[in-house]
Each structure stands twice: as C-alpha cells, then as structure tokens.
Amino acid sequence: MSDSHNLLAGYTVVVEMPVLWGHMDAFQHVNNTVYFRFFESARIAYGDRIGMYKFLKEHGIGPILAATSCDFLKPLRYPDTVTVGCKTVRLSESDIEQEYAICSDRLKKLAAVGTARIVAYDYHQLKKSRFPQPLIDNILKLEKGLHLA
C-alpha cells in the first residue's frame, strides 16, 4: 500500500489525479480553487459509487452543494499526483456531511483537508427535498458503522 493510501485509511472513496501545469498560479503553486475541484472530483466519484446520479435522472432528486471548506496544509506544485479521499461522516434524510483529504504523492504528506454539506434537492420543483430511501441505504452500506441522524 502506498504512503498516500496509508494517509487516507478510513476514506471510503479514493481517487488519484495528476497535478497539471495549468493548475499553477502566479505564485508558483496550485491555485486554491483547484483544491476544491479535487474535492469535487472525489465527491462525484462517491456519487457514482452510491448511484446518486441514477436517482437524479429517475426521480429528479439529487445533490446540491450547500457549504464547503478547506484547510490548506501544504502547497502543491507541478509535477505531482494527488490522491483524494472522501467519506460521509453524517447522514440525515435530507443532507450529507462529508470529509475530504488531499495527499501529495511527491511530498508524501497531506496537502489539505476539507468538508462539504450536501443537501437533497428536487430539481423539478426547485426546492430542498429528501434523499430517496434506496440512496440512503446505499450510503449506509458503503459507510460501515454510519447511522442515519
């Protein structure tokens, strides 16, 4: 198991992505907005894993990002590869709280940690909703030991 995967033990979905030259800004490190894109990529992979987008297509109910945060621990630079972990830490019928971690393969350290609150949204009625029960069941199946709040 790689150092990155050791640092991300406990995260249920882990994705690997390259740091691109275009991610760099005038200060010669990866721009802060890119960290949120890394979180987003892990969140989308998590959604794929639980069938989130199938439910969106079938029922019009899906995720919408309500809040997000990031603690920047180390600057990332090109060239590098990051490994990003995502896990759900709180689940209710209408919202999900997730935690993220970005690990730099070059530094062999965590570069950032963050959070997100995702709410169920009815895209047909344009209002907050509840997640379909089968989707909640998929999250509980993936996240061993998590319980509905």
C-alpha atoms as a PDB file:
ATOM      1  CA  MET A   1       0.000   0.000   0.000  1.00  0.00           C
ATOM      2  CA  SER A   2       1.378   3.432  -0.933  1.00  0.00           C
ATOM      3  CA  ASP A   3       2.070   6.220   1.560  1.00  0.00           C
ATOM      4  CA  SER A   4      -0.893   8.146   0.150  1.00  0.00           C
ATOM      5  CA  HIS A   5      -3.252   5.268   0.755  1.00  0.00           C
ATOM      6  CA  ASN A   6      -1.919   4.876   4.311  1.00  0.00           C
ATOM      7  CA  LEU A   7      -2.627   8.556   4.978  1.00  0.00           C
ATOM      8  CA  LEU A   8      -6.124   8.121   3.561  1.00  0.00           C
ATOM      9  CA  ALA A   9      -7.031   4.983   5.501  1.00  0.00           C
ATOM     10  CA  GLY A  10     -10.651   5.268   6.579  1.00  0.00           C
ATOM     11  CA  TYR A  11     -11.788   7.179   3.499  1.00  0.00           C
ATOM     12  CA  THR A  12     -14.333   5.085   1.624  1.00  0.00           C
ATOM     13  CA  VAL A  13     -13.714   6.522  -1.848  1.00  0.00           C
ATOM     14  CA  VAL A  14     -10.192   7.363  -3.023  1.00  0.00           C
ATOM     15  CA  VAL A  15      -9.296   8.827  -6.404  1.00  0.00           C
ATOM     16  CA  GLU A  16      -5.964   9.716  -7.959  1.00  0.00           C
ATOM     17  CA  MET A  17      -5.436  12.776 -10.165  1.00  0.00           C
ATOM     18  CA  PRO A  18      -2.456  14.491 -11.772  1.00  0.00           C
ATOM     19  CA  VAL A  19      -1.460  17.997 -10.826  1.00  0.00           C
ATOM     20  CA  LEU A  20      -1.398  19.847 -14.151  1.00  0.00           C
ATOM     21  CA  TRP A  21       0.809  22.761 -15.148  1.00  0.00           C
ATOM     22  CA  GLY A  22      -2.360  24.790 -15.699  1.00  0.00           C
ATOM     23  CA  HIS A  23      -3.312  24.331 -12.028  1.00  0.00           C
ATOM     24  CA  MET A  24      -0.411  26.604 -11.039  1.00  0.00           C
ATOM     25  CA  ASP A  25      -0.897  30.307 -10.409  1.00  0.00           C
ATOM     26  CA  ALA A  26       1.419  33.341 -10.477  1.00  0.00           C
ATOM     27  CA  PHE A  27       2.783  32.370  -7.047  1.00  0.00           C
ATOM     28  CA  GLN A  28       4.131  29.074  -8.460  1.00  0.00           C
ATOM     29  CA  HIS A  29       1.838  26.746  -6.558  1.00  0.00           C
ATOM     30  CA  VAL A  30      -1.525  25.168  -7.265  1.00  0.00           C
ATOM     31  CA  ASN A  31      -4.260  27.791  -7.012  1.00  0.00           C
ATOM     32  CA  ASN A  32      -6.566  27.402  -4.015  1.00  0.00           C
ATOM     33  CA  THR A  33      -9.629  26.936  -6.224  1.00  0.00           C
ATOM     34  CA  VAL A  34      -8.130  23.736  -7.649  1.00  0.00           C
ATOM     35  CA  TYR A  35      -8.218  22.076  -4.221  1.00  0.00           C
ATOM     36  CA  PHE A  36     -11.998  22.465  -4.316  1.00  0.00           C
ATOM     37  CA  ARG A  37     -12.026  20.876  -7.786  1.00  0.00           C
ATOM     38  CA  PHE A  38     -10.079  17.922  -6.362  1.00  0.00           C
ATOM     39  CA  PHE A  39     -12.724  17.618  -3.612  1.00  0.00           C
ATOM     40  CA  GLU A  40     -15.424  17.838  -6.285  1.00  0.00           C
ATOM     41  CA  SER A  41     -13.852  15.018  -8.307  1.00  0.00           C
ATOM     42  CA  ALA A  42     -13.820  12.791  -5.223  1.00  0.00           C
ATOM     43  CA  ARG A  43     -17.428  13.786  -4.443  1.00  0.00           C
ATOM     44  CA  ILE A  44     -18.516  12.872  -7.991  1.00  0.00           C
ATOM     45  CA  ALA A  45     -16.724   9.505  -7.737  1.00  0.00           C
ATOM     46  CA  TYR A  46     -18.512   8.937  -4.416  1.00  0.00           C
ATOM     47  CA  GLY A  47     -21.831   9.826  -6.068  1.00  0.00           C
ATOM     48  CA  ASP A  48     -21.119   7.363  -8.871  1.00  0.00           C
ATOM     49  CA  ARG A  49     -20.365   4.664  -6.326  1.00  0.00           C
ATOM     50  CA  ILE A  50     -23.692   5.097  -4.488  1.00  0.00           C
ATOM     51  CA  GLY A  51     -25.821   5.597  -7.615  1.00  0.00           C
ATOM     52  CA  MET A  52     -26.561   9.257  -6.867  1.00  0.00           C
ATOM     53  CA  TYR A  53     -26.873  10.309 -10.496  1.00  0.00           C
ATOM     54  CA  LYS A  54     -29.144   7.390 -11.378  1.00  0.00           C
ATOM     55  CA  PHE A  55     -31.574   8.664  -8.739  1.00  0.00           C
ATOM     56  CA  LEU A  56     -31.244  12.195 -10.084  1.00  0.00           C
ATOM     57  CA  LYS A  57     -32.108  11.010 -13.581  1.00  0.00           C
ATOM     58  CA  GLU A  58     -35.002   8.800 -12.431  1.00  0.00           C
ATOM     59  CA  HIS A  59     -36.556  10.983  -9.707  1.00  0.00           C
ATOM     60  CA  GLY A  60     -35.246  14.493 -10.308  1.00  0.00           C
ATOM     61  CA  ILE A  61     -33.813  14.457  -6.784  1.00  0.00           C
ATOM     62  CA  GLY A  62     -30.076  14.814  -6.373  1.00  0.00           C
ATOM     63  CA  PRO A  63     -27.281  16.599  -4.594  1.00  0.00           C
ATOM     64  CA  ILE A  64     -26.611  20.303  -4.352  1.00  0.00           C
ATOM     65  CA  LEU A  65     -23.589  21.673  -2.539  1.00  0.00           C
ATOM     66  CA  ALA A  66     -24.689  23.872   0.382  1.00  0.00           C
ATOM     67  CA  ALA A  67     -21.322  24.574   2.030  1.00  0.00           C
ATOM     68  CA  THR A  68     -17.687  23.634   1.687  1.00  0.00           C
ATOM     69  CA  SER A  69     -14.414  24.399   3.437  1.00  0.00           C
ATOM     70  CA  CYS A  70     -10.729  23.674   3.059  1.00  0.00           C
ATOM     71  CA  ASP A  71      -7.735  23.827   5.368  1.00  0.00           C
ATOM     72  CA  PHE A  72      -4.636  24.234   3.204  1.00  0.00           C
ATOM     73  CA  LEU A  73      -1.761  22.358   4.819  1.00  0.00           C
ATOM     74  CA  LYS A  74       0.970  22.224   2.164  1.00  0.00           C
ATOM     75  CA  PRO A  75       1.362  23.980  -1.197  1.00  0.00           C
ATOM     76  CA  LEU A  76       1.072  21.694  -4.206  1.00  0.00           C
ATOM     77  CA  ARG A  77       3.260  22.161  -7.271  1.00  0.00           C
ATOM     78  CA  TYR A  78       3.607  20.638 -10.717  1.00  0.00           C
ATOM     79  CA  PRO A  79       4.650  17.882 -11.275  1.00  0.00           C
ATOM     80  CA  ASP A  80       2.762  15.799  -8.741  1.00  0.00           C
ATOM     81  CA  THR A  81      -0.084  13.381  -8.376  1.00  0.00           C
ATOM     82  CA  VAL A  82      -2.671  13.776  -5.662  1.00  0.00           C
ATOM     83  CA  THR A  83      -4.745  11.104  -4.036  1.00  0.00           C
ATOM     84  CA  VAL A  84      -8.038  12.377  -2.686  1.00  0.00           C
ATOM     85  CA  GLY A  85     -10.177  10.640  -0.079  1.00  0.00           C
ATOM     86  CA  CYS A  86     -13.878  11.193   0.535  1.00  0.00           C
ATOM     87  CA  LYS A  87     -16.130   9.836   3.275  1.00  0.00           C
ATOM     88  CA  THR A  88     -19.540  10.597   4.699  1.00  0.00           C
ATOM     89  CA  VAL A  89     -19.443  11.420   8.406  1.00  0.00           C
ATOM     90  CA  ARG A  90     -23.078  12.407   8.967  1.00  0.00           C
ATOM     91  CA  LEU A  91     -26.235  11.458   7.104  1.00  0.00           C
ATOM     92  CA  SER A  92     -29.836  12.545   7.513  1.00  0.00           C
ATOM     93  CA  GLU A  93     -32.835  12.158   5.227  1.00  0.00           C
ATOM     94  CA  SER A  94     -32.063  15.473   3.573  1.00  0.00           C
ATOM     95  CA  ASP A  95     -28.353  16.184   3.969  1.00  0.00           C
ATOM     96  CA  ILE A  96     -24.922  14.614   3.913  1.00  0.00           C
ATOM     97  CA  GLU A  97     -21.762  15.855   5.602  1.00  0.00           C
ATOM     98  CA  GLN A  98     -18.544  14.687   4.025  1.00  0.00           C
ATOM     99  CA  GLU A  99     -14.858  14.991   4.814  1.00  0.00           C
ATOM    100  CA  TYR A 100     -12.044  15.096   2.271  1.00  0.00           C
ATOM    101  CA  ALA A 101      -8.275  14.789   2.346  1.00  0.00           C
ATOM    102  CA  ILE A 102      -5.762  15.509  -0.401  1.00  0.00           C
ATOM    103  CA  CYS A 103      -2.431  13.721  -0.232  1.00  0.00           C
ATOM    104  CA  SER A 104       0.560  14.742  -2.334  1.00  0.00           C
ATOM    105  CA  ASP A 105       2.449  11.783  -3.746  1.00  0.00           C
ATOM    106  CA  ARG A 106       5.562  13.959  -4.193  1.00  0.00           C
ATOM    107  CA  LEU A 107       5.523  15.272  -0.605  1.00  0.00           C
ATOM    108  CA  LYS A 108       4.184  12.056   0.948  1.00  0.00           C
ATOM    109  CA  LYS A 109       2.036  14.282   3.180  1.00  0.00           C
ATOM    110  CA  LEU A 110      -1.478  15.617   3.440  1.00  0.00           C
ATOM    111  CA  ALA A 111      -1.772  18.846   1.463  1.00  0.00           C
ATOM    112  CA  ALA A 112      -5.327  19.745   2.504  1.00  0.00           C
ATOM    113  CA  VAL A 113      -8.379  18.574   4.391  1.00  0.00           C
ATOM    114  CA  GLY A 114     -11.907  19.798   3.905  1.00  0.00           C
ATOM    115  CA  THR A 115     -15.598  19.358   4.424  1.00  0.00           C
ATOM    116  CA  ALA A 116     -18.826  19.668   2.494  1.00  0.00           C
ATOM    117  CA  ARG A 117     -22.513  19.740   3.309  1.00  0.00           C
ATOM    118  CA  ILE A 118     -24.640  18.394   0.507  1.00  0.00           C
ATOM    119  CA  VAL A 119     -28.418  18.669   0.576  1.00  0.00           C
ATOM    120  CA  ALA A 120     -31.078  16.761  -1.294  1.00  0.00           C
ATOM    121  CA  TYR A 121     -32.628  18.957  -3.947  1.00  0.00           C
ATOM    122  CA  ASP A 122     -35.676  18.407  -6.127  1.00  0.00           C
ATOM    123  CA  TYR A 123     -34.588  19.766  -9.492  1.00  0.00           C
ATOM    124  CA  HIS A 124     -38.162  19.606 -10.866  1.00  0.00           C
ATOM    125  CA  GLN A 125     -39.750  21.572  -8.033  1.00  0.00           C
ATOM    126  CA  LEU A 126     -36.625  23.687  -7.364  1.00  0.00           C
ATOM    127  CA  LYS A 127     -36.606  23.140  -3.625  1.00  0.00           C
ATOM    128  CA  LYS A 128     -34.915  21.179  -0.864  1.00  0.00           C
ATOM    129  CA  SER A 129     -36.088  17.587  -0.632  1.00  0.00           C
ATOM    130  CA  ARG A 130     -35.293  14.250   0.966  1.00  0.00           C
ATOM    131  CA  PHE A 131     -32.980  11.670  -0.499  1.00  0.00           C
ATOM    132  CA  PRO A 132     -34.711   8.523  -1.827  1.00  0.00           C
ATOM    133  CA  GLN A 133     -34.501   5.724   0.750  1.00  0.00           C
ATOM    134  CA  PRO A 134     -32.596   3.362  -1.596  1.00  0.00           C
ATOM    135  CA  LEU A 135     -29.895   6.034  -1.920  1.00  0.00           C
ATOM    136  CA  ILE A 136     -29.670   6.377   1.864  1.00  0.00           C
ATOM    137  CA  ASP A 137     -29.399   2.590   2.061  1.00  0.00           C
ATOM    138  CA  ASN A 138     -26.519   2.655  -0.472  1.00  0.00           C
ATOM    139  CA  ILE A 139     -24.635   5.214   1.632  1.00  0.00           C
ATOM    140  CA  LEU A 140     -25.177   3.205   4.822  1.00  0.00           C
ATOM    141  CA  LYS A 141     -23.957   0.069   3.044  1.00  0.00           C
ATOM    142  CA  LEU A 142     -20.800   1.851   1.865  1.00  0.00           C
ATOM    143  CA  GLU A 143     -20.097   3.630   5.158  1.00  0.00           C
ATOM    144  CA  LYS A 144     -19.823   0.800   7.668  1.00  0.00           C
ATOM    145  CA  GLY A 145     -20.918   1.948  11.132  1.00  0.00           C
ATOM    146  CA  LEU A 146     -22.641   5.147   9.959  1.00  0.00           C
ATOM    147  CA  HIS A 147     -26.206   5.653  11.138  1.00  0.00           C
ATOM    148  CA  LEU A 148     -28.990   7.913   9.969  1.00  0.00           C
ATOM    149  CA  ALA A 149     -29.108  11.066  12.112  1.00  0.00           C
END
